[in-house]
PDB file of N, CA and C in Angstrom:
ATOM      1  N   MET A   1    -231.285 111.931 -23.127  1.00  0.00           N
ATOM      2  CA  MET A   1    -231.327 111.225 -21.866  1.00  0.00           C
ATOM      3  C   MET A   1    -230.572 109.905 -22.034  1.00  0.00           C
ATOM      4  N   SER A   2    -229.565 109.685 -21.230  1.00  0.00           N
ATOM      5  CA  SER A   2    -228.782 108.461 -21.333  1.00  0.00           C
ATOM      6  C   SER A   2    -229.016 107.517 -20.163  1.00  0.00           C
ATOM      7  N   GLU A   3    -229.773 107.976 -19.159  1.00  0.00           N
ATOM      8  CA  GLU A   3    -230.102 107.092 -18.049  1.00  0.00           C
ATOM      9  C   GLU A   3    -231.456 107.474 -17.457  1.00  0.00           C
ATOM     10  N   VAL A   4    -232.051 106.508 -16.778  1.00  0.00           N
ATOM     11  CA  VAL A   4    -233.306 106.728 -16.071  1.00  0.00           C
ATOM     12  C   VAL A   4    -233.101 106.328 -14.613  1.00  0.00           C
ATOM     13  N   PHE A   5    -234.004 106.791 -13.763  1.00  0.00           N
ATOM     14  CA  PHE A   5    -233.913 106.520 -12.332  1.00  0.00           C
ATOM     15  C   PHE A   5    -235.160 105.755 -11.910  1.00  0.00           C
ATOM     16  N   VAL A   6    -234.943 104.524 -11.473  1.00  0.00           N
ATOM     17  CA  VAL A   6    -236.027 103.622 -11.101  1.00  0.00           C
ATOM     18  C   VAL A   6    -236.278 103.752  -9.603  1.00  0.00           C
ATOM     19  N   LEU A   7    -237.538 103.994  -9.254  1.00  0.00           N
ATOM     20  CA  LEU A   7    -237.951 104.089  -7.859  1.00  0.00           C
ATOM     21  C   LEU A   7    -238.635 102.786  -7.474  1.00  0.00           C
ATOM     22  N   GLN A   8    -238.078 102.105  -6.471  1.00  0.00           N
ATOM     23  CA  GLN A   8    -238.673 100.875  -5.955  1.00  0.00           C
ATOM     24  C   GLN A   8    -238.960 101.051  -4.475  1.00  0.00           C
ATOM     25  N   HIS A   9    -239.945 100.309  -3.996  1.00  0.00           N
ATOM     26  CA  HIS A   9    -240.259 100.283  -2.567  1.00  0.00           C
ATOM     27  C   HIS A   9    -240.163  98.828  -2.127  1.00  0.00           C
ATOM     28  N   LEU A  10    -239.264  98.550  -1.181  1.00  0.00           N
ATOM     29  CA  LEU A  10    -239.027  97.188  -0.712  1.00  0.00           C
ATOM     30  C   LEU A  10    -239.188  97.128   0.795  1.00  0.00           C
ATOM     31  N   TYR A  11    -239.738  96.008   1.277  1.00  0.00           N
ATOM     32  CA  TYR A  11    -239.785  95.766   2.720  1.00  0.00           C
ATOM     33  C   TYR A  11    -240.013  94.280   2.964  1.00  0.00           C
ATOM     34  N   ARG A  12    -239.674  93.840   4.153  1.00  0.00           N
ATOM     35  CA  ARG A  12    -239.909  92.455   4.554  1.00  0.00           C
ATOM     36  C   ARG A  12    -241.271  92.369   5.237  1.00  0.00           C
ATOM     37  N   ALA A  13    -242.105  91.479   4.746  1.00  0.00           N
ATOM     38  CA  ALA A  13    -243.432  91.266   5.328  1.00  0.00           C
ATOM     39  C   ALA A  13    -243.296  90.440   6.608  1.00  0.00           C
ATOM     40  N   CYS A  14    -244.382  90.333   7.359  1.00  0.00           N
ATOM     41  CA  CYS A  14    -244.379  89.586   8.626  1.00  0.00           C
ATOM     42  C   CYS A  14    -243.946  88.135   8.442  1.00  0.00           C
ATOM     43  N   ASP A  15    -244.256  87.540   7.288  1.00  0.00           N
ATOM     44  CA  ASP A  15    -243.887  86.143   7.038  1.00  0.00           C
ATOM     45  C   ASP A  15    -242.453  85.994   6.538  1.00  0.00           C
ATOM     46  N   GLY A  16    -241.718  87.116   6.440  1.00  0.00           N
ATOM     47  CA  GLY A  16    -240.322  87.071   6.012  1.00  0.00           C
ATOM     48  C   GLY A  16    -240.110  87.258   4.523  1.00  0.00           C
ATOM     49  N   ASP A  17    -241.186  87.187   3.746  1.00  0.00           N
ATOM     50  CA  ASP A  17    -241.062  87.392   2.300  1.00  0.00           C
ATOM     51  C   ASP A  17    -240.782  88.858   1.996  1.00  0.00           C
ATOM     52  N   GLU A  18    -240.009  89.087   0.951  1.00  0.00           N
ATOM     53  CA  GLU A  18    -239.729  90.457   0.528  1.00  0.00           C
ATOM     54  C   GLU A  18    -240.832  90.934  -0.410  1.00  0.00           C
ATOM     55  N   GLU A  19    -241.402  92.080  -0.098  1.00  0.00           N
ATOM     56  CA  GLU A  19    -242.420  92.703  -0.934  1.00  0.00           C
ATOM     57  C   GLU A  19    -241.761  93.814  -1.739  1.00  0.00           C
ATOM     58  N   SER A  20    -242.058  93.877  -3.019  1.00  0.00           N
ATOM     59  CA  SER A  20    -241.435  94.858  -3.906  1.00  0.00           C
ATOM     60  C   SER A  20    -242.498  95.532  -4.770  1.00  0.00           C
ATOM     61  N   LYS A  21    -242.411  96.847  -4.851  1.00  0.00           N
ATOM     62  CA  LYS A  21    -243.284  97.633  -5.727  1.00  0.00           C
ATOM     63  C   LYS A  21    -242.397  98.531  -6.583  1.00  0.00           C
ATOM     64  N   LEU A  22    -242.850  98.853  -7.785  1.00  0.00           N
ATOM     65  CA  LEU A  22    -242.130  99.765  -8.661  1.00  0.00           C
ATOM     66  C   LEU A  22    -243.068 100.933  -8.974  1.00  0.00           C
ATOM     67  N   PRO A  23    -243.054 101.987  -8.122  1.00  0.00           N
ATOM     68  CA  PRO A  23    -243.969 103.109  -8.318  1.00  0.00           C
ATOM     69  C   PRO A  23    -243.699 103.945  -9.562  1.00  0.00           C
ATOM     70  N   GLY A  24    -242.447 103.980 -10.053  1.00  0.00           N
ATOM     71  CA  GLY A  24    -242.209 104.802 -11.232  1.00  0.00           C
ATOM     72  C   GLY A  24    -240.776 104.813 -11.714  1.00  0.00           C
ATOM     73  N   VAL A  25    -240.609 105.369 -12.917  1.00  0.00           N
ATOM     74  CA  VAL A  25    -239.304 105.546 -13.554  1.00  0.00           C
ATOM     75  C   VAL A  25    -239.223 107.006 -13.975  1.00  0.00           C
ATOM     76  N   TYR A  26    -238.097 107.667 -13.662  1.00  0.00           N
ATOM     77  CA  TYR A  26    -237.994 109.121 -13.822  1.00  0.00           C
ATOM     78  C   TYR A  26    -236.741 109.512 -14.588  1.00  0.00           C
ATOM     79  N   SER A  27    -236.777 110.711 -15.139  1.00  0.00           N
ATOM     80  CA  SER A  27    -235.669 111.207 -15.956  1.00  0.00           C
ATOM     81  C   SER A  27    -234.550 111.824 -15.125  1.00  0.00           C
ATOM     82  N   SER A  28    -234.770 112.028 -13.828  1.00  0.00           N
ATOM     83  CA  SER A  28    -233.708 112.567 -12.968  1.00  0.00           C
ATOM     84  C   SER A  28    -233.841 111.993 -11.563  1.00  0.00           C
ATOM     85  N   ARG A  29    -232.739 111.980 -10.837  1.00  0.00           N
ATOM     86  CA  ARG A  29    -232.740 111.514  -9.448  1.00  0.00           C
ATOM     87  C   ARG A  29    -233.647 112.417  -8.600  1.00  0.00           C
ATOM     88  N   GLN A  30    -233.627 113.712  -8.889  1.00  0.00           N
ATOM     89  CA  GLN A  30    -234.435 114.667  -8.136  1.00  0.00           C
ATOM     90  C   GLN A  30    -235.931 114.361  -8.287  1.00  0.00           C
ATOM     91  N   LEU A  31    -236.374 114.057  -9.498  1.00  0.00           N
ATOM     92  CA  LEU A  31    -237.783 113.716  -9.711  1.00  0.00           C
ATOM     93  C   LEU A  31    -238.151 112.412  -9.002  1.00  0.00           C
ATOM     94  N   ALA A  32    -237.257 111.442  -9.012  1.00  0.00           N
ATOM     95  CA  ALA A  32    -237.505 110.182  -8.300  1.00  0.00           C
ATOM     96  C   ALA A  32    -237.600 110.432  -6.795  1.00  0.00           C
ATOM     97  N   HIS A  33    -236.745 111.299  -6.278  1.00  0.00           N
ATOM     98  CA  HIS A  33    -236.753 111.639  -4.854  1.00  0.00           C
ATOM     99  C   HIS A  33    -238.075 112.315  -4.483  1.00  0.00           C
ATOM    100  N   ARG A  34    -238.531 113.239  -5.301  1.00  0.00           N
ATOM    101  CA  ARG A  34    -239.819 113.909  -5.049  1.00  0.00           C
ATOM    102  C   ARG A  34    -240.973 112.911  -5.070  1.00  0.00           C
ATOM    103  N   ALA A  35    -240.921 111.976  -6.006  1.00  0.00           N
ATOM    104  CA  ALA A  35    -241.971 110.957  -6.093  1.00  0.00           C
ATOM    105  C   ALA A  35    -241.980 110.093  -4.834  1.00  0.00           C
ATOM    106  N   ALA A  36    -240.803 109.723  -4.335  1.00  0.00           N
ATOM    107  CA  ALA A  36    -240.722 108.933  -3.102  1.00  0.00           C
ATOM    108  C   ALA A  36    -241.359 109.688  -1.942  1.00  0.00           C
ATOM    109  N   GLN A  37    -241.140 110.984  -1.882  1.00  0.00           N
ATOM    110  CA  GLN A  37    -241.754 111.789  -0.824  1.00  0.00           C
ATOM    111  C   GLN A  37    -243.277 111.801  -0.960  1.00  0.00           C
ATOM    112  N   ARG A  38    -243.783 111.894  -2.189  1.00  0.00           N
ATOM    113  CA  ARG A  38    -245.237 111.860  -2.417  1.00  0.00           C
ATOM    114  C   ARG A  38    -245.825 110.503  -2.037  1.00  0.00           C
ATOM    115  N   PHE A  39    -245.218 109.444  -2.583  1.00  0.00           N
ATOM    116  CA  PHE A  39    -245.719 108.095  -2.306  1.00  0.00           C
ATOM    117  C   PHE A  39    -245.608 107.756  -0.821  1.00  0.00           C
ATOM    118  N   GLY A  40    -244.575 108.266  -0.160  1.00  0.00           N
ATOM    119  CA  GLY A  40    -244.338 107.960   1.249  1.00  0.00           C
ATOM    120  C   GLY A  40    -245.451 108.405   2.177  1.00  0.00           C
ATOM    121  N   ARG A  41    -246.346 109.231   1.712  1.00  0.00           N
ATOM    122  CA  ARG A  41    -247.497 109.675   2.516  1.00  0.00           C
ATOM    123  C   ARG A  41    -248.736 108.810   2.280  1.00  0.00           C
ATOM    124  N   GLN A  42    -248.646 107.858   1.350  1.00  0.00           N
ATOM    125  CA  GLN A  42    -249.803 107.054   0.956  1.00  0.00           C
ATOM    126  C   GLN A  42    -249.853 105.727   1.725  1.00  0.00           C
ATOM    127  N   PRO A  43    -251.083 105.169   1.882  1.00  0.00           N
ATOM    128  CA  PRO A  43    -251.221 103.879   2.566  1.00  0.00           C
ATOM    129  C   PRO A  43    -250.314 102.819   1.944  1.00  0.00           C
ATOM    130  N   GLY A  44    -249.779 101.965   2.800  1.00  0.00           N
ATOM    131  CA  GLY A  44    -248.859 100.920   2.356  1.00  0.00           C
ATOM    132  C   GLY A  44    -247.436 101.424   2.321  1.00  0.00           C
ATOM    133  N   PHE A  45    -247.196 102.501   1.598  1.00  0.00           N
ATOM    134  CA  PHE A  45    -245.856 103.080   1.519  1.00  0.00           C
ATOM    135  C   PHE A  45    -245.469 103.788   2.813  1.00  0.00           C
ATOM    136  N   ARG A  46    -246.443 104.381   3.496  1.00  0.00           N
ATOM    137  CA  ARG A  46    -246.108 105.206   4.662  1.00  0.00           C
ATOM    138  C   ARG A  46    -245.618 104.396   5.861  1.00  0.00           C
ATOM    139  N   GLU A  47    -245.793 103.064   5.841  1.00  0.00           N
ATOM    140  CA  GLU A  47    -245.229 102.241   6.912  1.00  0.00           C
ATOM    141  C   GLU A  47    -243.700 102.208   6.825  1.00  0.00           C
ATOM    142  N   HIS A  48    -243.163 102.438   5.629  1.00  0.00           N
ATOM    143  CA  HIS A  48    -241.706 102.474   5.396  1.00  0.00           C
ATOM    144  C   HIS A  48    -241.416 103.602   4.409  1.00  0.00           C
ATOM    145  N   PRO A  49    -241.521 104.868   4.838  1.00  0.00           N
ATOM    146  CA  PRO A  49    -241.409 106.004   3.913  1.00  0.00           C
ATOM    147  C   PRO A  49    -239.979 106.473   3.629  1.00  0.00           C
ATOM    148  N   GLU A  50    -238.989 105.876   4.286  1.00  0.00           N
ATOM    149  CA  GLU A  50    -237.617 106.350   4.162  1.00  0.00           C
ATOM    150  C   GLU A  50    -237.043 106.062   2.780  1.00  0.00           C
ATOM    151  N   ILE A  51    -236.139 106.925   2.351  1.00  0.00           N
ATOM    152  CA  ILE A  51    -235.329 106.654   1.163  1.00  0.00           C
ATOM    153  C   ILE A  51    -234.058 106.006   1.679  1.00  0.00           C
ATOM    154  N   VAL A  52    -233.842 104.760   1.286  1.00  0.00           N
ATOM    155  CA  VAL A  52    -232.755 103.949   1.824  1.00  0.00           C
ATOM    156  C   VAL A  52    -231.543 104.058   0.909  1.00  0.00           C
ATOM    157  N   ALA A  53    -230.416 104.368   1.483  1.00  0.00           N
ATOM    158  CA  ALA A  53    -229.157 104.422   0.722  1.00  0.00           C
ATOM    159  C   ALA A  53    -228.310 103.219   1.119  1.00  0.00           C
ATOM    160  N   GLY A  54    -227.540 102.723   0.205  1.00  0.00           N
ATOM    161  CA  GLY A  54    -226.624 101.638   0.516  1.00  0.00           C
ATOM    162  C   GLY A  54    -227.220 100.247   0.417  1.00  0.00           C
ATOM    163  N   GLY A  55    -228.488 100.152   0.024  1.00  0.00           N
ATOM    164  CA  GLY A  55    -229.064  98.841  -0.245  1.00  0.00           C
ATOM    165  C   GLY A  55    -229.442  98.011   0.959  1.00  0.00           C
ATOM    166  N   ASP A  56    -229.656  98.621   2.130  1.00  0.00           N
ATOM    167  CA  ASP A  56    -229.998  97.838   3.308  1.00  0.00           C
ATOM    168  C   ASP A  56    -231.150  98.491   4.057  1.00  0.00           C
ATOM    169  N   GLY A  57    -232.231  97.759   4.244  1.00  0.00           N
ATOM    170  CA  GLY A  57    -233.350  98.271   5.013  1.00  0.00           C
ATOM    171  C   GLY A  57    -234.630  98.336   4.211  1.00  0.00           C
ATOM    172  N   ASP A  58    -235.704  98.683   4.907  1.00  0.00           N
ATOM    173  CA  ASP A  58    -237.021  98.794   4.295  1.00  0.00           C
ATOM    174  C   ASP A  58    -237.266 100.230   3.857  1.00  0.00           C
ATOM    175  N   GLY A  59    -237.860 100.412   2.696  1.00  0.00           N
ATOM    176  CA  GLY A  59    -238.192 101.746   2.219  1.00  0.00           C
ATOM    177  C   GLY A  59    -237.980 101.880   0.720  1.00  0.00           C
ATOM    178  N   PHE A  60    -237.783 103.114   0.293  1.00  0.00           N
ATOM    179  CA  PHE A  60    -237.618 103.430  -1.126  1.00  0.00           C
ATOM    180  C   PHE A  60    -236.151 103.352  -1.548  1.00  0.00           C
ATOM    181  N   TYR A  61    -235.923 102.831  -2.733  1.00  0.00           N
ATOM    182  CA  TYR A  61    -234.598 102.768  -3.347  1.00  0.00           C
ATOM    183  C   TYR A  61    -234.670 103.496  -4.681  1.00  0.00           C
ATOM    184  N   ILE A  62    -233.648 104.261  -4.972  1.00  0.00           N
ATOM    185  CA  ILE A  62    -233.548 104.932  -6.267  1.00  0.00           C
ATOM    186  C   ILE A  62    -232.272 104.433  -6.928  1.00  0.00           C
ATOM    187  N   GLN A  63    -232.419 103.852  -8.103  1.00  0.00           N
ATOM    188  CA  GLN A  63    -231.261 103.300  -8.802  1.00  0.00           C
ATOM    189  C   GLN A  63    -231.218 103.815 -10.233  1.00  0.00           C
ATOM    190  N   ALA A  64    -230.038 104.244 -10.649  1.00  0.00           N
ATOM    191  CA  ALA A  64    -229.838 104.727 -12.017  1.00  0.00           C
ATOM    192  C   ALA A  64    -229.577 103.539 -12.943  1.00  0.00           C
ATOM    193  N   TYR A  65    -230.179 103.586 -14.114  1.00  0.00           N
ATOM    194  CA  TYR A  65    -229.952 102.584 -15.154  1.00  0.00           C
ATOM    195  C   TYR A  65    -229.629 103.303 -16.453  1.00  0.00           C
ATOM    196  N   ARG A  66    -228.547 102.864 -17.090  1.00  0.00           N
ATOM    197  CA  ARG A  66    -228.174 103.433 -18.382  1.00  0.00           C
ATOM    198  C   ARG A  66    -229.062 102.821 -19.460  1.00  0.00           C
ATOM    199  N   LEU A  67    -229.497 103.663 -20.377  1.00  0.00           N
ATOM    200  CA  LEU A  67    -230.317 103.198 -21.493  1.00  0.00           C
ATOM    201  C   LEU A  67    -229.446 102.541 -22.555  1.00  0.00           C
ATOM    202  N   GLU A  68    -230.064 101.665 -23.327  1.00  0.00           N
ATOM    203  CA  GLU A  68    -229.384 100.975 -24.438  1.00  0.00           C
ATOM    204  C   GLU A  68    -228.180 100.164 -23.964  1.00  0.00           C
ATOM    205  N   GLN A  69    -228.273  99.609 -22.767  1.00  0.00           N
ATOM    206  CA  GLN A  69    -227.160  98.826 -22.218  1.00  0.00           C
ATOM    207  C   GLN A  69    -227.734  97.614 -21.485  1.00  0.00           C
ATOM    208  N   ASP A  70    -227.140  96.437 -21.714  1.00  0.00           N
ATOM    209  CA  ASP A  70    -227.576  95.240 -20.998  1.00  0.00           C
ATOM    210  C   ASP A  70    -227.246  95.381 -19.518  1.00  0.00           C
ATOM    211  N   SER A  71    -228.091  94.795 -18.678  1.00  0.00           N
ATOM    212  CA  SER A  71    -227.829  94.796 -17.238  1.00  0.00           C
ATOM    213  C   SER A  71    -226.685  93.846 -16.922  1.00  0.00           C
ATOM    214  N   ASP A  72    -225.914  94.190 -15.917  1.00  0.00           N
ATOM    215  CA  ASP A  72    -224.799  93.336 -15.487  1.00  0.00           C
ATOM    216  C   ASP A  72    -225.312  91.979 -15.016  1.00  0.00           C
ATOM    217  N   GLY A  73    -224.563  90.934 -15.329  1.00  0.00           N
ATOM    218  CA  GLY A  73    -224.837  89.615 -14.791  1.00  0.00           C
ATOM    219  C   GLY A  73    -225.814  88.740 -15.554  1.00  0.00           C
ATOM    220  N   TRP A  74    -226.363  89.210 -16.660  1.00  0.00           N
ATOM    221  CA  TRP A  74    -227.359  88.418 -17.371  1.00  0.00           C
ATOM    222  C   TRP A  74    -226.879  87.922 -18.734  1.00  0.00           C
ATOM    223  N   SER A  75    -225.658  88.194 -19.117  1.00  0.00           N
ATOM    224  CA  SER A  75    -225.184  87.865 -20.465  1.00  0.00           C
ATOM    225  C   SER A  75    -225.188  86.366 -20.754  1.00  0.00           C
ATOM    226  N   GLU A  76    -225.137  85.537 -19.704  1.00  0.00           N
ATOM    227  CA  GLU A  76    -225.138  84.089 -19.904  1.00  0.00           C
ATOM    228  C   GLU A  76    -226.430  83.443 -19.413  1.00  0.00           C
ATOM    229  N   GLY A  77    -227.478  84.244 -19.255  1.00  0.00           N
ATOM    230  CA  GLY A  77    -228.764  83.702 -18.820  1.00  0.00           C
ATOM    231  C   GLY A  77    -228.832  83.533 -17.315  1.00  0.00           C
ATOM    232  N   PHE A  78    -229.688  82.579 -16.863  1.00  0.00           N
ATOM    233  CA  PHE A  78    -229.838  82.316 -15.437  1.00  0.00           C
ATOM    234  C   PHE A  78    -230.248  80.868 -15.233  1.00  0.00           C
ATOM    235  N   VAL A  79    -230.095  80.378 -14.011  1.00  0.00           N
ATOM    236  CA  VAL A  79    -230.424  79.002 -13.658  1.00  0.00           C
ATOM    237  C   VAL A  79    -231.669  79.015 -12.787  1.00  0.00           C
ATOM    238  N   ARG A  80    -232.645  78.201 -13.140  1.00  0.00           N
ATOM    239  CA  ARG A  80    -233.860  78.078 -12.321  1.00  0.00           C
ATOM    240  C   ARG A  80    -233.618  77.062 -11.228  1.00  0.00           C
ATOM    241  N   GLU A  81    -234.073  77.381 -10.051  1.00  0.00           N
ATOM    242  CA  GLU A  81    -233.892  76.448  -8.917  1.00  0.00           C
ATOM    243  C   GLU A  81    -235.154  75.701  -8.622  1.00  0.00           C
TER     244      GLU A  81
END
C-alpha cells in the first residue's frame, strides 16, 4: 500500500466556524466512499451527507495521501498568528 484515503466531514456551523471531523482512513477510495455512505445516515453527518468533489461545500471529502512522504507546504514550518 503506497497511499491511504482520508475521509473528512466538513461544514460551516451557524456561527460561521468550520466544523471538521475525521471519521476514518481507508486503504482504497472505494472503501472510503462506502464509509461516507454509512456515516451519512448517522446523526450529525446526515445534515450534510453529500460527498463533495472539488473542495467546495459542506459534506464528506475523500483525499488520497501518499505514505512515507512529507505533506506539501510544511518543509519550512509555519507562522502562528
